[in-house]
Amino acid sequence: MKRVYLAVMALVVAGMSLSCSHKVTRIDPQEQVDLSGRWNNTDSRLVAEQMIETVLRERWLGDHQEAHGGQKPVVIVGFVTNKSHEHIEAETFVKDVEQSFIKSGRVRLVQGGKKRDELRAEKADQQTNASASSMKKFGLEQGADYILQGSINSIVDSQKRKKVVYYQVDLELTNIQSNEVVWIGDKKIAKFVKN
């Protein structure tokens, strides 16, 4: 009887360990996988690429180059505020936007926010710790012509085990010198989730 009990217990333990197994499979980051219906890396990347493609087709770019002898405009990406119902790391979206600007080759991008502060702290440190020939000087930064700012918003409509999650990303490009808004764009995503 004791042997039967031990055999049954061994089978139960083996069954439990098999049912609790955890498997991880590496996938291509470009692959579109949507498990939860929430905002994800695919949404961030695609929205950034599509919005930057749109902003670079608009009239402000040609107007700037015409007024400045063909020079590329200098852009800084400011705050993108998460006003949605879920936690979205807006910095990831900002990085996707910056990467799309750089890949386009049509604008020049300068650092903003905490990274700019870190660069300025490094220059300050060099004033006392670097040789005069290698020290980087203050007052020689490239000033931005335009700032891109925006928000991520969402609406959830649900009924029993079904819901539609609607996201809207709004971006505005503003001429820093004149405060003139030269472009406004939005991108909408709707996801139907059934549990």
C-alpha atoms as a PDB file:
ATOM      1  CA  MET A   1       0.000   0.000   0.000  1.00  0.00           C
ATOM      2  CA  LYS A   2       2.855   2.299   0.829  1.00  0.00           C
ATOM      3  CA  ARG A   3       4.360   1.745  -2.656  1.00  0.00           C
ATOM      4  CA  VAL A   4       1.068   2.615  -4.361  1.00  0.00           C
ATOM      5  CA  TYR A   5       0.796   5.785  -2.280  1.00  0.00           C
ATOM      6  CA  LEU A   6       4.379   6.822  -3.184  1.00  0.00           C
ATOM      7  CA  ALA A   7       3.769   6.088  -6.877  1.00  0.00           C
ATOM      8  CA  VAL A   8       0.571   8.154  -6.888  1.00  0.00           C
ATOM      9  CA  MET A   9       2.343  11.033  -5.109  1.00  0.00           C
ATOM     10  CA  ALA A  10       5.212  10.883  -7.599  1.00  0.00           C
ATOM     11  CA  LEU A  11       2.729  11.095 -10.488  1.00  0.00           C
ATOM     12  CA  VAL A  12       0.915  14.026  -8.863  1.00  0.00           C
ATOM     13  CA  VAL A  13       4.184  15.916  -8.318  1.00  0.00           C
ATOM     14  CA  ALA A  14       5.318  15.178 -11.884  1.00  0.00           C
ATOM     15  CA  GLY A  15       1.956  16.327 -13.259  1.00  0.00           C
ATOM     16  CA  MET A  16       2.060  19.519 -11.246  1.00  0.00           C
ATOM     17  CA  SER A  17       5.588  20.347 -12.389  1.00  0.00           C
ATOM     18  CA  LEU A  18       4.625  19.780 -16.013  1.00  0.00           C
ATOM     19  CA  SER A  19       1.527  21.969 -15.770  1.00  0.00           C
ATOM     20  CA  CYS A  20       3.531  24.762 -14.125  1.00  0.00           C
ATOM     21  CA  SER A  21       6.337  24.689 -16.646  1.00  0.00           C
ATOM     22  CA  HIS A  22       7.432  28.052 -17.983  1.00  0.00           C
ATOM     23  CA  LYS A  23       8.641  28.375 -21.549  1.00  0.00           C
ATOM     24  CA  VAL A  24      10.201  31.439 -23.164  1.00  0.00           C
ATOM     25  CA  THR A  25      10.683  31.739 -26.890  1.00  0.00           C
ATOM     26  CA  ARG A  26      12.668  34.549 -28.451  1.00  0.00           C
ATOM     27  CA  ILE A  27      10.883  36.375 -31.255  1.00  0.00           C
ATOM     28  CA  ASP A  28      11.801  39.097 -33.720  1.00  0.00           C
ATOM     29  CA  PRO A  29      11.096  42.516 -32.090  1.00  0.00           C
ATOM     30  CA  GLN A  30       9.519  43.598 -35.390  1.00  0.00           C
ATOM     31  CA  GLU A  31       6.967  40.755 -35.178  1.00  0.00           C
ATOM     32  CA  GLN A  32       3.505  41.933 -34.257  1.00  0.00           C
ATOM     33  CA  VAL A  33       2.300  40.152 -31.135  1.00  0.00           C
ATOM     34  CA  ASP A  34      -0.673  41.479 -29.199  1.00  0.00           C
ATOM     35  CA  LEU A  35      -1.483  39.360 -26.157  1.00  0.00           C
ATOM     36  CA  SER A  36      -3.396  41.720 -23.892  1.00  0.00           C
ATOM     37  CA  GLY A  37      -4.898  44.341 -26.187  1.00  0.00           C
ATOM     38  CA  ARG A  38      -2.930  47.024 -24.345  1.00  0.00           C
ATOM     39  CA  TRP A  39      -0.524  49.546 -25.904  1.00  0.00           C
ATOM     40  CA  ASN A  40       2.645  47.660 -26.844  1.00  0.00           C
ATOM     41  CA  ASN A  41       5.995  47.999 -28.631  1.00  0.00           C
ATOM     42  CA  THR A  42       4.405  47.427 -32.050  1.00  0.00           C
ATOM     43  CA  ASP A  43       1.913  50.249 -31.474  1.00  0.00           C
ATOM     44  CA  SER A  44       4.704  52.570 -30.342  1.00  0.00           C
ATOM     45  CA  ARG A  45       6.970  51.841 -33.298  1.00  0.00           C
ATOM     46  CA  LEU A  46       4.269  51.945 -35.984  1.00  0.00           C
ATOM     47  CA  VAL A  47       2.659  55.141 -34.678  1.00  0.00           C
ATOM     48  CA  ALA A  48       6.040  56.875 -34.450  1.00  0.00           C
ATOM     49  CA  GLU A  49       7.051  55.826 -37.977  1.00  0.00           C
ATOM     50  CA  GLN A  50       3.712  56.811 -39.513  1.00  0.00           C
ATOM     51  CA  MET A  51       3.486  60.161 -37.734  1.00  0.00           C
ATOM     52  CA  ILE A  52       7.053  61.177 -38.602  1.00  0.00           C
ATOM     53  CA  GLU A  53       6.473  60.147 -42.214  1.00  0.00           C
ATOM     54  CA  THR A  54       3.401  62.412 -42.204  1.00  0.00           C
ATOM     55  CA  VAL A  55       5.060  65.407 -40.521  1.00  0.00           C
ATOM     56  CA  LEU A  56       7.955  65.279 -42.980  1.00  0.00           C
ATOM     57  CA  ARG A  57       5.573  65.459 -45.973  1.00  0.00           C
ATOM     58  CA  GLU A  58       3.993  68.701 -44.787  1.00  0.00           C
ATOM     59  CA  ARG A  59       4.623  72.243 -45.995  1.00  0.00           C
ATOM     60  CA  TRP A  60       6.562  73.483 -42.945  1.00  0.00           C
ATOM     61  CA  LEU A  61       9.680  71.550 -44.006  1.00  0.00           C
ATOM     62  CA  GLY A  62       9.887  73.119 -47.467  1.00  0.00           C
ATOM     63  CA  ASP A  63       9.057  76.559 -46.041  1.00  0.00           C
ATOM     64  CA  HIS A  64      11.894  76.227 -43.518  1.00  0.00           C
ATOM     65  CA  GLN A  65      14.428  75.136 -46.119  1.00  0.00           C
ATOM     66  CA  GLU A  66      13.365  77.912 -48.488  1.00  0.00           C
ATOM     67  CA  ALA A  67      13.753  80.536 -45.742  1.00  0.00           C
ATOM     68  CA  HIS A  68      17.123  79.145 -44.560  1.00  0.00           C
ATOM     69  CA  GLY A  69      19.056  78.457 -47.749  1.00  0.00           C
ATOM     70  CA  GLY A  70      18.183  74.754 -47.937  1.00  0.00           C
ATOM     71  CA  GLN A  71      19.366  73.932 -44.407  1.00  0.00           C
ATOM     72  CA  LYS A  72      17.717  71.079 -42.542  1.00  0.00           C
ATOM     73  CA  PRO A  73      15.589  72.195 -39.602  1.00  0.00           C
ATOM     74  CA  VAL A  74      16.803  71.319 -36.116  1.00  0.00           C
ATOM     75  CA  VAL A  75      14.158  69.513 -34.048  1.00  0.00           C
ATOM     76  CA  ILE A  76      13.928  68.626 -30.380  1.00  0.00           C
ATOM     77  CA  VAL A  77      11.384  66.111 -29.097  1.00  0.00           C
ATOM     78  CA  GLY A  78       9.782  67.441 -25.945  1.00  0.00           C
ATOM     79  CA  PHE A  79       7.284  65.838 -23.598  1.00  0.00           C
ATOM     80  CA  VAL A  80       4.749  63.297 -24.752  1.00  0.00           C
ATOM     81  CA  THR A  81       2.284  62.938 -21.897  1.00  0.00           C
ATOM     82  CA  ASN A  82       0.490  59.693 -21.140  1.00  0.00           C
ATOM     83  CA  LYS A  83      -3.158  60.574 -20.506  1.00  0.00           C
ATOM     84  CA  SER A  84      -4.415  57.069 -21.240  1.00  0.00           C
ATOM     85  CA  HIS A  85      -6.123  54.687 -18.822  1.00  0.00           C
ATOM     86  CA  GLU A  86      -3.078  52.424 -18.603  1.00  0.00           C
ATOM     87  CA  HIS A  87       0.579  52.766 -17.719  1.00  0.00           C
ATOM     88  CA  ILE A  88       2.472  53.602 -20.903  1.00  0.00           C
ATOM     89  CA  GLU A  89       6.163  54.416 -20.715  1.00  0.00           C
ATOM     90  CA  ALA A  90       6.102  57.536 -22.908  1.00  0.00           C
ATOM     91  CA  GLU A  91       9.915  57.598 -23.122  1.00  0.00           C
ATOM     92  CA  THR A  92       9.835  54.467 -25.288  1.00  0.00           C
ATOM     93  CA  PHE A  93       7.497  56.225 -27.710  1.00  0.00           C
ATOM     94  CA  VAL A  94       9.709  59.355 -27.673  1.00  0.00           C
ATOM     95  CA  LYS A  95      12.730  57.205 -28.579  1.00  0.00           C
ATOM     96  CA  ASP A  96      10.789  55.645 -31.462  1.00  0.00           C
ATOM     97  CA  VAL A  97       9.916  59.171 -32.682  1.00  0.00           C
ATOM     98  CA  GLU A  98      13.538  60.330 -32.415  1.00  0.00           C
ATOM     99  CA  GLN A  99      14.753  57.238 -34.252  1.00  0.00           C
ATOM    100  CA  SER A 100      12.245  57.849 -37.051  1.00  0.00           C
ATOM    101  CA  PHE A 101      13.432  61.467 -37.388  1.00  0.00           C
ATOM    102  CA  ILE A 102      17.078  60.365 -37.615  1.00  0.00           C
ATOM    103  CA  LYS A 103      16.350  57.569 -40.099  1.00  0.00           C
ATOM    104  CA  SER A 104      14.595  60.066 -42.382  1.00  0.00           C
ATOM    105  CA  GLY A 105      17.755  62.140 -42.776  1.00  0.00           C
ATOM    106  CA  ARG A 106      15.569  65.195 -43.403  1.00  0.00           C
ATOM    107  CA  VAL A 107      16.000  66.967 -40.063  1.00  0.00           C
ATOM    108  CA  ARG A 108      18.708  67.375 -37.451  1.00  0.00           C
ATOM    109  CA  LEU A 109      17.861  66.197 -33.947  1.00  0.00           C
ATOM    110  CA  VAL A 110      19.195  67.657 -30.700  1.00  0.00           C
ATOM    111  CA  GLN A 111      18.996  66.250 -27.181  1.00  0.00           C
ATOM    112  CA  GLY A 112      16.473  67.549 -24.722  1.00  0.00           C
ATOM    113  CA  GLY A 113      15.467  67.056 -21.114  1.00  0.00           C
ATOM    114  CA  LYS A 114      17.594  64.964 -18.775  1.00  0.00           C
ATOM    115  CA  LYS A 115      20.043  63.904 -21.483  1.00  0.00           C
ATOM    116  CA  ARG A 116      20.765  67.528 -22.352  1.00  0.00           C
ATOM    117  CA  ASP A 117      21.311  68.243 -18.642  1.00  0.00           C
ATOM    118  CA  GLU A 118      23.742  65.305 -18.481  1.00  0.00           C
ATOM    119  CA  LEU A 119      25.660  66.667 -21.480  1.00  0.00           C
ATOM    120  CA  ARG A 120      25.894  70.089 -19.847  1.00  0.00           C
ATOM    121  CA  ALA A 121      27.133  68.498 -16.605  1.00  0.00           C
ATOM    122  CA  GLU A 122      29.832  66.676 -18.589  1.00  0.00           C
ATOM    123  CA  LYS A 123      30.922  69.976 -20.192  1.00  0.00           C
ATOM    124  CA  ALA A 124      31.053  71.580 -16.741  1.00  0.00           C
ATOM    125  CA  ASP A 125      33.209  68.706 -15.477  1.00  0.00           C
ATOM    126  CA  GLN A 126      35.558  69.085 -18.440  1.00  0.00           C
ATOM    127  CA  GLN A 127      36.169  72.734 -17.563  1.00  0.00           C
ATOM    128  CA  THR A 128      38.261  71.618 -14.588  1.00  0.00           C
ATOM    129  CA  ASN A 129      39.280  68.066 -15.477  1.00  0.00           C
ATOM    130  CA  ALA A 130      40.090  67.982 -19.206  1.00  0.00           C
ATOM    131  CA  SER A 131      43.034  69.432 -21.093  1.00  0.00           C
ATOM    132  CA  ALA A 132      42.466  72.808 -22.749  1.00  0.00           C
ATOM    133  CA  SER A 133      42.793  71.230 -26.207  1.00  0.00           C
ATOM    134  CA  SER A 134      40.112  68.566 -25.603  1.00  0.00           C
ATOM    135  CA  MET A 135      37.719  70.542 -23.375  1.00  0.00           C
ATOM    136  CA  LYS A 136      34.286  71.208 -24.897  1.00  0.00           C
ATOM    137  CA  LYS A 137      33.136  74.807 -24.526  1.00  0.00           C
ATOM    138  CA  PHE A 138      29.829  76.160 -23.274  1.00  0.00           C
ATOM    139  CA  GLY A 139      27.605  78.213 -25.557  1.00  0.00           C
ATOM    140  CA  LEU A 140      28.219  76.212 -28.744  1.00  0.00           C
ATOM    141  CA  GLU A 141      25.172  73.929 -28.692  1.00  0.00           C
ATOM    142  CA  GLN A 142      22.971  73.714 -31.744  1.00  0.00           C
ATOM    143  CA  GLY A 143      19.713  75.461 -30.930  1.00  0.00           C
ATOM    144  CA  ALA A 144      16.487  73.793 -32.009  1.00  0.00           C
ATOM    145  CA  ASP A 145      14.197  75.472 -34.538  1.00  0.00           C
ATOM    146  CA  TYR A 146      11.156  73.330 -33.684  1.00  0.00           C
ATOM    147  CA  ILE A 147       9.846  71.306 -30.757  1.00  0.00           C
ATOM    148  CA  LEU A 148       7.568  68.266 -31.106  1.00  0.00           C
ATOM    149  CA  GLN A 149       5.201  67.665 -28.173  1.00  0.00           C
ATOM    150  CA  GLY A 150       2.096  65.635 -27.607  1.00  0.00           C
ATOM    151  CA  SER A 151      -0.020  63.176 -25.692  1.00  0.00           C
ATOM    152  CA  ILE A 152      -1.286  59.600 -25.736  1.00  0.00           C
ATOM    153  CA  ASN A 153      -4.986  59.270 -24.909  1.00  0.00           C
ATOM    154  CA  SER A 154      -7.376  56.343 -24.676  1.00  0.00           C
ATOM    155  CA  ILE A 155     -11.049  55.474 -24.421  1.00  0.00           C
ATOM    156  CA  VAL A 156     -12.331  52.068 -23.304  1.00  0.00           C
ATOM    157  CA  ASP A 157     -15.780  50.822 -24.251  1.00  0.00           C
ATOM    158  CA  SER A 158     -16.683  47.495 -22.667  1.00  0.00           C
ATOM    159  CA  GLN A 159     -19.653  45.193 -22.343  1.00  0.00           C
ATOM    160  CA  LYS A 160     -19.390  41.935 -20.413  1.00  0.00           C
ATOM    161  CA  ARG A 161     -16.367  40.048 -21.800  1.00  0.00           C
ATOM    162  CA  LYS A 162     -15.801  42.293 -24.820  1.00  0.00           C
ATOM    163  CA  LYS A 163     -14.140  45.664 -25.065  1.00  0.00           C
ATOM    164  CA  VAL A 164     -12.820  48.109 -27.616  1.00  0.00           C
ATOM    165  CA  VAL A 165      -9.746  50.076 -26.625  1.00  0.00           C
ATOM    166  CA  TYR A 166      -9.279  53.227 -28.637  1.00  0.00           C
ATOM    167  CA  TYR A 167      -5.935  55.071 -28.567  1.00  0.00           C
ATOM    168  CA  GLN A 168      -5.192  58.454 -30.039  1.00  0.00           C
ATOM    169  CA  VAL A 169      -1.721  59.946 -30.220  1.00  0.00           C
ATOM    170  CA  ASP A 170      -1.699  63.711 -30.806  1.00  0.00           C
ATOM    171  CA  LEU A 171       1.510  65.524 -31.758  1.00  0.00           C
ATOM    172  CA  GLU A 172       2.210  69.201 -32.442  1.00  0.00           C
ATOM    173  CA  LEU A 173       5.278  70.765 -34.027  1.00  0.00           C
ATOM    174  CA  THR A 174       5.938  74.335 -32.917  1.00  0.00           C
ATOM    175  CA  ASN A 175       8.396  76.942 -34.208  1.00  0.00           C
ATOM    176  CA  ILE A 176      10.389  77.822 -31.083  1.00  0.00           C
ATOM    177  CA  GLN A 177      11.254  81.355 -32.248  1.00  0.00           C
ATOM    178  CA  SER A 178       7.712  82.445 -33.088  1.00  0.00           C
ATOM    179  CA  ASN A 179       5.602  79.961 -31.037  1.00  0.00           C
ATOM    180  CA  GLU A 180       3.715  79.256 -34.282  1.00  0.00           C
ATOM    181  CA  VAL A 181       2.249  75.767 -34.490  1.00  0.00           C
ATOM    182  CA  VAL A 182       3.357  74.565 -37.925  1.00  0.00           C
ATOM    183  CA  TRP A 183       1.878  71.053 -37.824  1.00  0.00           C
ATOM    184  CA  ILE A 184      -0.693  69.081 -35.844  1.00  0.00           C
ATOM    185  CA  GLY A 185      -1.229  65.392 -36.410  1.00  0.00           C
ATOM    186  CA  ASP A 186      -2.903  62.439 -34.816  1.00  0.00           C
ATOM    187  CA  LYS A 187      -2.888  58.688 -35.184  1.00  0.00           C
ATOM    188  CA  LYS A 188      -5.711  56.469 -34.013  1.00  0.00           C
ATOM    189  CA  ILE A 189      -5.614  52.777 -33.087  1.00  0.00           C
ATOM    190  CA  ALA A 190      -8.667  50.706 -32.152  1.00  0.00           C
ATOM    191  CA  LYS A 191      -8.380  47.211 -30.648  1.00  0.00           C
ATOM    192  CA  PHE A 192     -11.221  44.752 -30.129  1.00  0.00           C
ATOM    193  CA  VAL A 193     -10.520  42.472 -27.167  1.00  0.00           C
ATOM    194  CA  LYS A 194     -12.658  39.441 -26.336  1.00  0.00           C
ATOM    195  CA  ASN A 195     -11.999  37.489 -23.145  1.00  0.00           C
END
